[in-house]
């Protein structure tokens, strides 16, 4: 990764875009190198396997909402929690 001896970025443009969007140096380097090797569209199709919030339990939604700093998640109904999490 950047800063390590012998490491090289293979797609500096994508790396810089990811860094501007808030990705860590390691994550941006990992993604940009994978995209250069396998193609951006193939790398982009990976991931996104967390599932829908509607499938989560209320307890799990409340815990995630607390982690993200949603105000008063313990007072919210499931539909309110889902909306609050999607707006984050």
Protein backbone atom coordinates (compact mmCIF):
# COMPACT_ATOMS: atom_id res chain seq x y z
CA UNK A 1 0.00 0.00 0.00
CA UNK A 2 1.10 3.60 -0.20
CA UNK A 3 4.07 4.31 1.99
CA UNK A 4 5.18 0.69 2.13
CA UNK A 5 8.39 -0.28 0.50
CA UNK A 6 7.94 -1.88 -2.90
CA UNK A 7 4.25 -1.09 -3.20
CA UNK A 8 2.83 0.51 -6.30
CA UNK A 9 -0.49 1.98 -7.25
CA UNK A 10 -1.76 0.63 -10.53
CA UNK A 11 -4.65 3.08 -10.96
CA UNK A 12 -3.65 6.37 -9.35
CA UNK A 13 -6.71 8.23 -10.69
CA UNK A 14 -9.16 5.84 -9.01
CA UNK A 15 -7.03 5.89 -5.85
CA UNK A 16 -7.27 9.68 -5.66
CA UNK A 17 -11.05 9.61 -6.25
CA UNK A 18 -11.51 7.08 -3.45
CA UNK A 19 -9.34 9.10 -1.07
CA UNK A 20 -11.38 12.25 -1.84
CA UNK A 21 -14.54 10.28 -1.02
CA UNK A 22 -13.10 9.41 2.40
CA UNK A 23 -11.63 5.93 1.90
CA UNK A 24 -8.54 5.06 3.90
CA UNK A 25 -5.21 4.84 2.10
CA UNK A 26 -5.18 1.05 2.39
CA UNK A 27 -8.74 0.59 1.16
CA UNK A 28 -8.27 3.01 -1.74
CA UNK A 29 -5.05 1.26 -2.80
CA UNK A 30 -6.63 -2.19 -2.54
CA UNK A 31 -9.64 -1.20 -4.62
CA UNK A 32 -7.68 0.73 -7.24
CA UNK A 33 -5.18 -2.11 -7.71
CA UNK A 34 -7.96 -4.69 -7.99
CA UNK A 35 -9.77 -2.50 -10.52
CA UNK A 36 -6.61 -2.16 -12.60
CA UNK A 37 -6.10 -5.92 -12.57
CA UNK A 38 -9.66 -7.16 -13.06
CA UNK A 39 -11.49 -4.16 -14.51
CA UNK A 40 -13.58 -1.56 -12.71
CA UNK A 41 -16.95 -3.08 -13.58
CA UNK A 42 -16.01 -6.50 -12.20
CA UNK A 43 -14.72 -5.01 -8.95
CA UNK A 44 -17.83 -2.82 -8.71
CA UNK A 45 -20.15 -5.85 -8.88
CA UNK A 46 -18.57 -7.34 -5.77
CA UNK A 47 -19.91 -6.43 -2.38
CA UNK A 48 -23.29 -5.09 -1.42
CA UNK A 49 -24.29 -8.26 0.38
CA UNK A 50 -25.52 -6.74 3.66
CA UNK A 51 -29.19 -7.24 2.80
CA UNK A 52 -32.16 -4.95 3.20
CA UNK A 53 -32.84 -3.13 6.43
CA UNK A 54 -36.39 -4.52 6.33
CA UNK A 55 -34.93 -7.98 6.93
CA UNK A 56 -33.07 -6.85 10.07
CA UNK A 57 -34.50 -7.18 13.57
CA UNK A 58 -35.47 -4.04 15.48
CA UNK A 59 -32.67 -4.72 18.00
CA UNK A 60 -30.10 -4.92 15.22
CA UNK A 61 -31.46 -1.74 13.61
CA UNK A 62 -31.29 0.10 16.94
CA UNK A 63 -27.72 -1.03 17.52
CA UNK A 64 -26.65 0.12 14.04
CA UNK A 65 -28.49 3.41 14.47
CA UNK A 66 -26.65 3.99 17.74
CA UNK A 67 -23.32 3.25 16.07
CA UNK A 68 -24.11 5.86 13.41
CA UNK A 69 -25.22 8.47 15.93
CA UNK A 70 -28.94 8.49 15.19
CA UNK A 71 -30.71 10.42 17.94
CA UNK A 72 -33.04 8.38 20.23
CA UNK A 73 -33.18 5.09 18.27
CA UNK A 74 -34.76 3.32 21.26
CA UNK A 75 -37.90 5.42 20.80
CA UNK A 76 -38.28 4.68 17.09
CA UNK A 77 -40.43 2.11 15.35
CA UNK A 78 -38.88 -0.20 12.79
CA UNK A 79 -39.99 1.89 9.81
CA UNK A 80 -38.52 5.02 11.42
CA UNK A 81 -35.22 3.24 12.09
CA UNK A 82 -35.02 2.05 8.48
CA UNK A 83 -35.66 5.59 7.21
CA UNK A 84 -33.10 7.09 9.59
CA UNK A 85 -30.44 4.57 8.53
CA UNK A 86 -31.09 5.11 4.83
CA UNK A 87 -30.74 8.86 5.29
CA UNK A 88 -27.26 8.43 6.76
